[in-house]
Amino acid sequence: MKKCAFNPYLPSWEYIPDAEPYVFDGRVYVYGSHDYYNGHVFCLGDYVCWSAPEDDLGNWRYEGVIYPKTEDPLNRDGKMCLYAPDITVGPNGKYYLYYVLDHVSVVSVAVSDTPAGRYRFLGYVHYPDGTRLGERAGDEPQFDPGVLTENGLTYLYTGFCGRGDRSRTGAMVTVLEPDMLTIKEPPALVVPGSEYSAGTGFEGHAFFEASSIRKRGDTYYFVYSSEVMHELCYATSDSPLGKFRYGGVLVSNCDLHIDSYKPADLPMAYGANNHGSIVEIAGKWYIFYHRHTNGTWYSRQGCAEEICFAADGSIPQAELTSCGLNGGSLPGKGEYPAYLACSLFTKEPSVYVGGDRFPKIMQDGRDGDEENGYIANITDSASAGFKYFDCRSVRKITVSARGYANGAFEIRNRWDGEVLARIPVQYSNVWEDYSAELSLPDGKQAIYITYRGPGNASLRSFTLHCGD
């Protein structure tokens, strides 16, 4: 039987942000950087790959390490991190991995005969005279490559533009020869950064980082992280060289701008930087992005939401959910782990991650330990939201909790709705189950769990019980 798909779509102990999803031979492959649980900086790990059948998106397979950080000649000692990569299929049918190390401004390339590698170092993107891209006078530092290959040429998109830095203009495109390394056309600006966005249509959503490029029909979609960091935006063009026009926000990892279930300016999760792309899987389109765990920027996990295209090619912003790639609501019965929460918030709204001020998703053990995640640091008013469930005759709910807390969990089906059940909890240093009667309307429902009272609790899971 097919497994339900969740957000995050990989196991809760895996931290693969900056996702670039592709479908090869009936399987979805996700390439990204590799964070550690409780990591102290971004991207500490080697590149690994996960894949799933395109008709069974809850069944992910670990493909192993596809490229170790020490493979690059500039990083034999492993002191530099592998930042966000991208993949493209070259004119010769081989798979090419483009990436940038964290302390240099050049683009490295590796190659493999198969999607999941193993990849071997090939060389650096360079001008015909051998000068590496990023090292010629006038070049901007290279960062976050996104690549697209068609008609024998590869289009390489790079860039990083922080607010206040006028030395960096925006996202650039560089055209490469069929050898995948040699520059045919030098870098040209395609999307402006914040310091150069006035009068362009990109104001307020100017390019920051995370270049990614896709094509749908005759339209090129440039996906990027904007100057506010928590949102992925898109721009469109009828040419890979531009001119690109601002399209809108695809997703925000704090769900800002969404007004379908709450005020548009109210954040419902703790956001920070974002990176991902769009992909068509079995006739449906999705936006892949990442969320932040552990109360830091450095332990990010991949999520995905279904998107749709309007007749004019525009894409409405996707709402954060717990069901992501599932193709619809989750069954409204059984036990669900708390780390599936798509909303985390308190009475103090915050767009960005706030350390120990707010509830956070974490795990026991160390990085690599296959320990299921849970929500920790739950204090008075802390809420977790789960969306959506197809409910039928729900009659009871059970929560599994621990911690030094002596209050109660309130259950709602809207973030600001009436209390439908109240579950008292007690001090406990082990996981304990607590239950209460609950009557939910049949149909598509959300579950919000809010703690009220003194102390600090953790939530491992909740269970919906059905009856006639």
Protein backbone atom coordinates (compact mmCIF):
# COMPACT_ATOMS: atom_id res chain seq x y z
CA MET A 1 0.00 0.00 0.00
CA LYS A 2 1.11 3.56 -0.65
CA LYS A 3 2.23 5.54 2.36
CA CYS A 4 0.77 8.88 3.34
CA ALA A 5 2.99 11.79 2.45
CA PHE A 6 3.69 14.45 5.07
CA ASN A 7 5.58 17.66 5.65
CA PRO A 8 8.47 17.35 6.13
CA TYR A 9 8.52 14.72 3.40
CA LEU A 10 11.78 13.06 4.56
CA PRO A 11 12.26 11.37 7.95
CA SER A 12 12.20 13.82 10.85
CA TRP A 13 15.88 13.14 11.61
CA GLU A 14 17.01 14.24 8.14
CA TYR A 15 17.89 17.86 7.36
CA ILE A 16 18.05 18.54 3.62
CA PRO A 17 17.21 22.18 2.76
CA ASP A 18 17.57 24.13 -0.51
CA ALA A 19 15.74 21.44 -2.46
CA GLU A 20 16.02 21.12 -6.22
CA PRO A 21 13.49 18.42 -7.22
CA TYR A 22 13.56 16.60 -10.57
CA VAL A 23 11.80 13.60 -12.11
CA PHE A 24 14.06 11.08 -13.84
CA ASP A 25 12.73 7.76 -15.18
CA GLY A 26 9.63 7.73 -12.99
CA ARG A 27 11.32 8.74 -9.74
CA VAL A 28 11.49 12.10 -7.99
CA TYR A 29 15.03 13.00 -6.91
CA VAL A 30 15.70 15.75 -4.41
CA TYR A 31 19.09 17.46 -4.35
CA GLY A 32 19.97 19.98 -1.67
CA SER A 33 22.55 21.03 0.82
CA HIS A 34 22.92 19.05 4.05
CA ASP A 35 22.36 20.56 7.49
CA TYR A 36 22.99 18.80 10.78
CA TYR A 37 20.61 18.50 13.67
CA ASN A 38 21.74 21.11 16.20
CA GLY A 39 24.30 22.37 13.68
CA HIS A 40 26.26 25.52 14.42
CA VAL A 41 26.34 26.78 10.79
CA PHE A 42 24.63 26.01 7.49
CA CYS A 43 25.42 23.02 5.26
CA LEU A 44 27.86 20.99 7.37
CA GLY A 45 27.32 17.66 5.62
CA ASP A 46 28.20 15.94 2.38
CA TYR A 47 25.68 15.99 -0.45
CA VAL A 48 23.19 13.14 -0.12
CA CYS A 49 20.19 12.27 -2.26
CA TRP A 50 16.69 10.93 -1.59
CA SER A 51 14.21 9.68 -4.18
CA ALA A 52 10.63 8.42 -4.35
CA PRO A 53 8.38 6.89 -7.02
CA GLU A 54 6.41 9.68 -8.67
CA ASP A 55 3.20 7.76 -7.92
CA ASP A 56 4.08 7.09 -4.24
CA LEU A 57 5.38 10.32 -2.72
CA GLY A 58 5.33 9.06 0.85
CA ASN A 59 7.86 6.33 0.12
CA TRP A 60 11.29 7.97 0.10
CA ARG A 61 14.53 6.04 -0.37
CA TYR A 62 17.93 7.15 0.84
CA GLU A 63 20.39 7.07 -2.06
CA GLY A 64 23.42 7.70 0.12
CA VAL A 65 26.26 10.19 -0.16
CA ILE A 66 26.46 11.32 -3.78
CA TYR A 67 29.35 13.77 -3.36
CA PRO A 68 31.63 14.28 -0.35
CA LYS A 69 32.82 17.78 0.46
CA THR A 70 36.48 16.70 0.20
CA GLU A 71 36.07 15.73 -3.47
CA ASP A 72 36.66 19.32 -4.57
CA PRO A 73 40.40 20.10 -5.02
CA LEU A 74 39.87 23.39 -3.18
CA ASN A 75 38.51 21.54 -0.14
CA ARG A 76 40.64 18.45 0.43
CA ASP A 77 40.83 19.29 4.14
CA GLY A 78 37.03 19.57 4.39
CA LYS A 79 37.09 22.96 6.08
CA MET A 80 34.61 24.51 3.66
CA CYS A 81 30.90 23.71 3.43
CA LEU A 82 28.98 22.66 0.35
CA TYR A 83 26.33 25.32 -0.26
CA ALA A 84 23.10 24.79 -2.21
CA PRO A 85 23.61 22.82 -5.47
CA ASP A 86 21.63 22.22 -8.64
CA ILE A 87 21.56 19.45 -11.24
CA THR A 88 21.13 19.45 -15.00
CA VAL A 89 21.34 16.82 -17.73
CA GLY A 90 23.99 17.74 -20.29
CA PRO A 91 23.81 17.31 -24.08
CA ASN A 92 25.66 13.99 -23.66
CA GLY A 93 23.02 12.60 -21.26
CA LYS A 94 25.26 12.79 -18.19
CA TYR A 95 24.18 14.47 -14.96
CA TYR A 96 26.04 17.61 -13.91
CA LEU A 97 26.15 18.95 -10.34
CA TYR A 98 26.86 22.68 -9.90
CA TYR A 99 27.76 24.12 -6.51
CA VAL A 100 29.74 26.80 -4.64
CA LEU A 101 31.88 26.27 -1.54
CA ASP A 102 31.26 28.69 1.31
CA HIS A 103 34.61 30.56 1.29
CA VAL A 104 35.25 30.95 -2.44
CA SER A 105 33.49 32.76 -5.29
CA VAL A 106 33.81 30.21 -8.08
CA VAL A 107 31.38 27.59 -9.40
CA SER A 108 32.45 23.95 -9.18
CA VAL A 109 31.06 21.19 -11.39
CA ALA A 110 30.85 17.43 -10.83
CA VAL A 111 29.48 14.76 -13.17
CA SER A 112 27.80 11.35 -12.95
CA ASP A 113 26.32 8.77 -15.32
CA THR A 114 23.23 8.34 -13.13
CA PRO A 115 20.95 10.71 -11.18
CA ALA A 116 22.06 9.52 -7.74
CA GLY A 117 25.76 9.39 -8.52
CA ARG A 118 28.29 8.97 -7.33
CA TYR A 119 29.46 12.29 -8.75
CA ARG A 120 33.11 13.01 -9.52
CA PHE A 121 34.77 16.41 -9.74
CA LEU A 122 34.96 17.77 -13.28
CA GLY A 123 36.24 21.34 -13.08
CA TYR A 124 35.34 25.00 -12.55
CA VAL A 125 33.21 27.26 -14.73
CA HIS A 126 35.66 29.46 -16.61
CA TYR A 127 36.13 31.94 -19.42
CA PRO A 128 37.78 30.81 -22.68
CA ASP A 129 41.13 32.12 -21.39
CA GLY A 130 40.88 29.85 -18.32
CA THR A 131 39.96 32.58 -15.79
CA ARG A 132 37.39 31.17 -13.41
CA LEU A 133 33.94 32.78 -13.22
CA GLY A 134 33.93 34.99 -10.13
CA GLU A 135 37.64 35.85 -10.37
CA ARG A 136 37.67 38.19 -13.36
CA ALA A 137 37.61 41.93 -12.71
CA GLY A 138 33.97 43.03 -12.57
CA ASP A 139 32.58 39.58 -11.75
CA GLU A 140 30.22 39.41 -8.79
CA PRO A 141 30.80 36.64 -6.23
CA GLN A 142 29.19 33.37 -7.26
CA PHE A 143 26.51 31.83 -5.04
CA ASP A 144 23.57 29.36 -5.18
CA PRO A 145 23.79 28.15 -8.80
CA GLY A 146 20.63 27.22 -10.68
CA VAL A 147 21.01 25.51 -14.06
CA LEU A 148 18.94 24.73 -17.15
CA THR A 149 20.20 22.96 -20.28
CA GLU A 150 18.48 23.13 -23.67
CA ASN A 151 19.56 23.17 -27.31
CA GLY A 152 23.11 22.22 -26.35
CA LEU A 153 23.66 25.22 -24.05
CA THR A 154 23.49 25.51 -20.27
CA TYR A 155 22.14 28.62 -18.55
CA LEU A 156 23.77 29.19 -15.18
CA TYR A 157 22.01 31.53 -12.73
CA THR A 158 23.89 32.79 -9.67
CA GLY A 159 23.96 35.65 -7.19
CA PHE A 160 23.59 36.97 -3.65
CA CYS A 161 22.36 40.47 -2.81
CA GLY A 162 21.94 41.65 0.75
CA ARG A 163 20.19 44.88 1.61
CA GLY A 164 22.53 47.86 1.71
CA ASP A 165 25.20 46.25 -0.50
CA ARG A 166 25.41 48.17 -3.77
CA SER A 167 28.40 46.15 -4.95
CA ARG A 168 26.04 43.33 -5.91
CA THR A 169 23.35 44.05 -8.46
CA GLY A 170 21.15 40.96 -8.59
CA ALA A 171 20.75 37.52 -10.13
CA MET A 172 22.98 36.93 -13.15
CA VAL A 173 22.76 34.43 -16.01
CA THR A 174 25.88 33.02 -17.69
CA VAL A 175 25.64 30.86 -20.82
CA LEU A 176 27.92 27.81 -21.02
CA GLU A 177 29.21 25.81 -23.97
CA PRO A 178 28.25 22.12 -24.39
CA ASP A 179 31.32 21.13 -22.38
CA MET A 180 29.37 22.43 -19.34
CA LEU A 181 32.37 24.46 -18.13
CA THR A 182 33.39 27.09 -20.68
CA ILE A 183 31.58 30.43 -20.78
CA LYS A 184 29.96 31.27 -24.12
CA GLU A 185 28.19 34.45 -22.97
CA PRO A 186 29.35 36.39 -19.87
CA PRO A 187 27.11 37.16 -16.88
CA ALA A 188 24.09 39.41 -17.50
CA LEU A 189 21.58 40.73 -14.96
CA VAL A 190 18.16 39.04 -15.00
CA VAL A 191 16.51 40.00 -11.66
CA PRO A 192 17.55 43.00 -9.54
CA GLY A 193 18.58 43.01 -5.90
CA SER A 194 16.99 45.42 -3.43
CA GLU A 195 19.49 48.21 -4.08
CA TYR A 196 18.57 48.26 -7.77
CA SER A 197 14.87 47.33 -7.74
CA ALA A 198 13.27 50.81 -7.85
CA GLY A 199 11.00 51.11 -10.87
CA THR A 200 11.40 47.46 -11.93
CA GLY A 201 8.26 45.87 -10.47
CA PHE A 202 10.37 43.84 -8.01
CA GLU A 203 10.18 46.41 -5.18
CA GLY A 204 9.73 44.71 -1.80
CA HIS A 205 10.38 41.30 -3.35
CA ALA A 206 13.79 41.90 -4.93
CA PHE A 207 16.31 39.10 -5.42
CA PHE A 208 18.30 37.95 -2.39
CA GLU A 209 19.59 34.43 -3.16
CA ALA A 210 18.52 30.88 -4.13
CA SER A 211 18.39 31.04 -7.94
CA SER A 212 16.39 28.25 -9.57
CA ILE A 213 15.05 27.95 -13.10
CA ARG A 214 12.27 25.83 -14.62
CA LYS A 215 10.37 25.81 -17.90
CA ARG A 216 6.64 25.18 -18.37
CA GLY A 217 5.40 25.27 -21.93
CA ASP A 218 7.08 28.27 -23.53
CA THR A 219 7.52 30.16 -20.26
CA TYR A 220 10.63 30.25 -18.09
CA TYR A 221 10.03 30.52 -14.34
CA PHE A 222 12.86 31.96 -12.29
CA VAL A 223 12.35 30.99 -8.64
CA TYR A 224 14.30 32.83 -5.94
CA SER A 225 14.39 33.89 -2.31
CA SER A 226 13.45 37.54 -1.90
CA GLU A 227 14.98 40.28 0.22
CA VAL A 228 12.73 39.37 3.20
CA MET A 229 14.20 35.82 3.09
CA HIS A 230 11.17 33.83 4.28
CA GLU A 231 9.42 33.83 0.90
CA LEU A 232 10.10 32.18 -2.44
CA CYS A 233 9.04 34.35 -5.36
CA TYR A 234 8.96 33.84 -9.09
CA ALA A 235 9.54 35.85 -12.24
CA THR A 236 8.67 34.87 -15.80
CA SER A 237 10.12 35.36 -19.27
CA ASP A 238 9.78 33.92 -22.76
CA SER A 239 13.58 33.56 -22.91
CA PRO A 240 16.10 32.09 -20.46
CA LEU A 241 18.06 35.33 -20.88
CA GLY A 242 15.14 37.55 -19.82
CA LYS A 243 13.59 40.05 -19.62
CA PHE A 244 12.04 38.56 -16.46
CA ARG A 245 8.90 40.10 -14.97
CA TYR A 246 7.94 39.76 -11.31
CA GLY A 247 5.18 37.21 -10.83
CA GLY A 248 4.44 36.90 -7.12
CA VAL A 249 5.09 34.90 -3.96
CA LEU A 250 5.03 31.12 -4.28
CA VAL A 251 5.33 30.25 -0.61
CA SER A 252 6.38 31.83 2.70
CA ASN A 253 7.81 29.59 5.41
CA CYS A 254 5.96 31.65 8.02
CA ASP A 255 2.76 31.68 5.88
CA LEU A 256 2.75 35.46 5.61
CA HIS A 257 0.36 36.96 2.98
CA ILE A 258 -2.02 33.98 3.19
CA ASP A 259 -5.50 35.16 4.24
CA SER A 260 -7.61 32.05 3.65
CA TYR A 261 -7.67 31.04 7.32
CA LYS A 262 -6.12 33.98 9.21
CA PRO A 263 -5.17 37.65 8.66
CA ALA A 264 -2.68 38.07 5.80
CA ASP A 265 -0.12 39.90 7.97
CA LEU A 266 -0.15 37.30 10.79
CA PRO A 267 2.81 34.85 10.74
CA MET A 268 1.87 31.29 11.73
CA ALA A 269 5.32 29.67 11.82
CA TYR A 270 8.89 30.75 12.51
CA GLY A 271 10.51 31.59 9.20
CA ALA A 272 13.99 32.58 8.06
CA ASN A 273 15.84 32.00 4.80
CA ASN A 274 14.16 29.94 2.09
CA HIS A 275 15.25 28.03 -1.01
CA GLY A 276 13.54 25.62 -3.36
CA SER A 277 11.87 25.23 -6.73
CA ILE A 278 8.84 24.01 -8.64
CA VAL A 279 8.42 20.66 -10.36
CA GLU A 280 5.74 18.69 -12.18
CA ILE A 281 5.12 15.22 -10.73
CA ALA A 282 2.56 12.90 -12.32
CA GLY A 283 0.60 15.79 -13.79
CA LYS A 284 0.59 17.97 -10.66
CA TRP A 285 2.90 20.86 -9.82
CA TYR A 286 4.54 21.45 -6.44
CA ILE A 287 6.70 24.06 -4.76
CA PHE A 288 9.53 22.64 -2.65
CA TYR A 289 10.86 24.83 0.18
CA HIS A 290 12.30 24.40 3.67
CA ARG A 291 11.36 25.10 7.27
CA HIS A 292 13.51 25.79 10.35
CA THR A 293 13.77 23.56 13.42
CA ASN A 294 15.57 23.55 16.76
CA GLY A 295 15.00 27.28 17.20
CA THR A 296 17.91 28.12 14.85
CA TRP A 297 18.60 28.85 11.18
CA TYR A 298 20.92 25.86 10.86
CA SER A 299 18.73 22.74 11.04
CA ARG A 300 16.39 23.02 8.07
CA GLN A 301 14.01 20.42 6.66
CA GLY A 302 12.41 20.05 3.25
CA CYS A 303 8.69 20.57 2.73
CA ALA A 304 6.47 20.80 -0.35
CA GLU A 305 3.02 22.10 -1.30
CA GLU A 306 0.85 21.62 -4.34
CA ILE A 307 0.50 24.67 -6.59
CA CYS A 308 -1.74 25.50 -9.52
CA PHE A 309 -1.39 27.70 -12.58
CA ALA A 310 -3.96 30.25 -13.64
CA ALA A 311 -4.85 30.60 -17.31
CA ASP A 312 -2.36 33.45 -17.67
CA GLY A 313 0.47 31.35 -16.18
CA SER A 314 0.44 33.05 -12.79
CA ILE A 315 0.73 30.97 -9.61
CA PRO A 316 -1.29 31.76 -6.44
CA GLN A 317 0.70 31.50 -3.20
CA ALA A 318 0.62 28.06 -1.57
CA GLU A 319 -0.59 27.66 2.00
CA LEU A 320 1.58 25.74 4.48
CA THR A 321 0.14 22.32 5.34
CA SER A 322 1.08 19.10 7.06
CA CYS A 323 -0.07 16.98 4.12
CA GLY A 324 2.13 18.51 1.39
CA LEU A 325 2.73 15.87 -1.29
CA ASN A 326 -0.17 13.67 -0.14
CA GLY A 327 -2.53 14.81 -2.86
CA GLY A 328 -5.21 15.78 -0.34
CA SER A 329 -6.10 15.65 3.33
CA LEU A 330 -4.67 13.02 5.66
CA PRO A 331 -6.98 10.36 7.13
CA GLY A 332 -8.80 11.81 10.13
CA LYS A 333 -7.94 8.93 12.42
CA GLY A 334 -4.91 7.37 14.04
CA GLU A 335 -1.71 8.73 15.56
CA TYR A 336 0.28 11.58 14.04
CA PRO A 337 3.71 12.79 15.20
CA ALA A 338 3.86 16.35 16.47
CA TYR A 339 6.77 17.26 14.19
CA LEU A 340 4.21 17.46 11.33
CA ALA A 341 3.04 20.80 12.71
CA CYS A 342 2.83 23.35 9.89
CA SER A 343 2.05 26.14 12.36
CA LEU A 344 3.94 27.08 15.52
CA PHE A 345 3.17 30.32 17.30
CA THR A 346 2.43 32.03 20.61
CA LYS A 347 0.52 35.15 21.62
CA GLU A 348 3.67 37.06 20.53
CA PRO A 349 3.73 37.06 16.68
CA SER A 350 7.15 36.62 15.05
CA VAL A 351 8.07 36.27 11.39
CA TYR A 352 11.53 34.91 12.19
CA VAL A 353 13.06 32.12 14.26
CA GLY A 354 13.49 33.21 17.85
CA GLY A 355 15.60 30.63 19.69
CA ASP A 356 14.23 29.61 23.07
CA ARG A 357 11.56 32.32 23.13
CA PHE A 358 9.20 30.13 21.14
CA PRO A 359 8.20 26.47 20.70
CA LYS A 360 10.49 24.51 18.41
CA ILE A 361 10.72 21.16 16.65
CA MET A 362 13.69 19.12 17.82
CA GLN A 363 14.77 15.55 18.52
CA ASP A 364 16.62 13.53 21.13
CA GLY A 365 20.11 12.23 20.45
CA ARG A 366 22.65 13.60 18.01
CA ASP A 367 22.67 14.25 14.28
CA GLY A 368 22.24 10.99 12.41
CA ASP A 369 20.36 9.27 15.24
CA GLU A 370 17.07 8.02 13.82
CA GLU A 371 15.00 9.65 16.55
CA ASN A 372 11.55 11.01 15.73
CA GLY A 373 11.12 14.73 16.20
CA TYR A 374 8.76 16.40 18.65
CA ILE A 375 7.75 19.90 19.73
CA ALA A 376 9.63 21.26 22.74
CA ASN A 377 9.69 24.50 24.72
CA ILE A 378 5.91 24.63 24.95
CA THR A 379 4.96 27.34 27.43
CA ASP A 380 1.75 29.24 28.08
CA SER A 381 -0.06 30.21 24.82
CA ALA A 382 2.23 28.09 22.62
CA SER A 383 0.20 26.56 19.78
CA ALA A 384 0.82 23.91 17.13
CA GLY A 385 -1.35 23.62 14.03
CA PHE A 386 -1.83 20.61 11.77
CA LYS A 387 -3.60 20.84 8.38
CA TYR A 388 -5.55 19.06 7.00
CA PHE A 389 -7.49 15.92 7.93
CA ASP A 390 -10.48 14.20 6.36
CA CYS A 391 -12.48 13.59 9.53
CA ARG A 392 -15.31 11.12 10.00
CA SER A 393 -16.96 10.55 13.41
CA VAL A 394 -14.03 11.76 15.53
CA ARG A 395 -14.99 11.17 19.17
CA LYS A 396 -11.77 11.42 21.21
CA ILE A 397 -8.26 12.82 21.08
CA THR A 398 -5.13 11.63 22.90
CA VAL A 399 -1.90 13.60 23.28
CA SER A 400 1.49 12.19 24.23
CA ALA A 401 3.42 14.74 26.33
CA ARG A 402 6.18 15.09 28.86
CA GLY A 403 7.91 17.85 30.78
CA TYR A 404 7.54 19.99 33.86
CA ALA A 405 4.17 21.47 33.06
CA ASN A 406 0.99 21.47 35.10
CA GLY A 407 -1.66 22.92 32.83
CA ALA A 408 -3.84 21.78 29.96
CA PHE A 409 -3.83 21.41 26.19
CA GLU A 410 -6.76 23.04 24.42
CA ILE A 411 -8.00 21.62 21.13
CA ARG A 412 -9.48 23.77 18.36
CA ASN A 413 -10.17 23.34 14.64
CA ARG A 414 -9.31 26.98 13.88
CA TRP A 415 -6.34 28.94 15.19
CA ASP A 416 -8.70 31.39 16.94
CA GLY A 417 -11.71 29.11 17.27
CA GLU A 418 -13.62 27.95 20.32
CA VAL A 419 -12.13 25.32 22.59
CA LEU A 420 -13.51 21.91 21.58
CA ALA A 421 -11.64 19.85 24.19
CA ARG A 422 -9.41 20.45 27.20
CA ILE A 423 -6.76 17.90 28.24
CA PRO A 424 -5.09 18.40 31.65
CA VAL A 425 -1.44 17.29 31.88
CA GLN A 426 0.88 16.78 34.85
CA TYR A 427 4.59 16.92 35.59
CA SER A 428 6.33 13.93 34.00
CA ASN A 429 9.86 13.22 32.80
CA VAL A 430 8.62 10.40 30.53
CA TRP A 431 6.09 10.41 27.74
CA GLU A 432 2.56 10.04 29.07
CA ASP A 433 -0.77 9.77 27.24
CA TYR A 434 -3.69 12.03 28.13
CA SER A 435 -7.15 11.92 26.53
CA ALA A 436 -10.39 13.85 26.26
CA GLU A 437 -13.63 13.54 24.36
CA LEU A 438 -13.67 15.51 21.11
CA SER A 439 -16.38 16.03 18.54
CA LEU A 440 -15.18 17.35 15.19
CA PRO A 441 -17.42 18.10 12.21
CA ASP A 442 -17.04 15.61 9.40
CA GLY A 443 -14.97 16.72 6.43
CA LYS A 444 -11.76 18.69 5.97
CA GLN A 445 -10.50 19.89 9.35
CA ALA A 446 -7.46 21.45 10.96
CA ILE A 447 -6.23 20.60 14.46
CA TYR A 448 -4.73 23.28 16.73
CA ILE A 449 -3.24 22.31 20.08
CA THR A 450 -2.56 25.15 22.55
CA TYR A 451 -0.96 24.87 25.98
CA ARG A 452 -2.31 26.90 28.90
CA GLY A 453 -0.67 27.00 32.29
CA PRO A 454 2.69 27.10 34.06
CA GLY A 455 5.83 25.15 33.20
CA ASN A 456 7.41 23.87 29.98
CA ALA A 457 6.04 20.88 28.07
CA SER A 458 6.94 18.79 25.03
CA LEU A 459 4.46 17.20 22.63
CA ARG A 460 5.31 13.94 20.87
CA SER A 461 2.08 13.07 19.07
CA PHE A 462 -1.68 13.20 19.02
CA THR A 463 -4.22 10.52 18.12
CA LEU A 464 -7.70 10.95 16.66
CA HIS A 465 -10.16 8.24 17.71
CA CYS A 466 -13.26 7.56 15.64
CA GLY A 467 -16.48 5.81 16.53
CA ASP A 468 -20.06 5.39 15.38
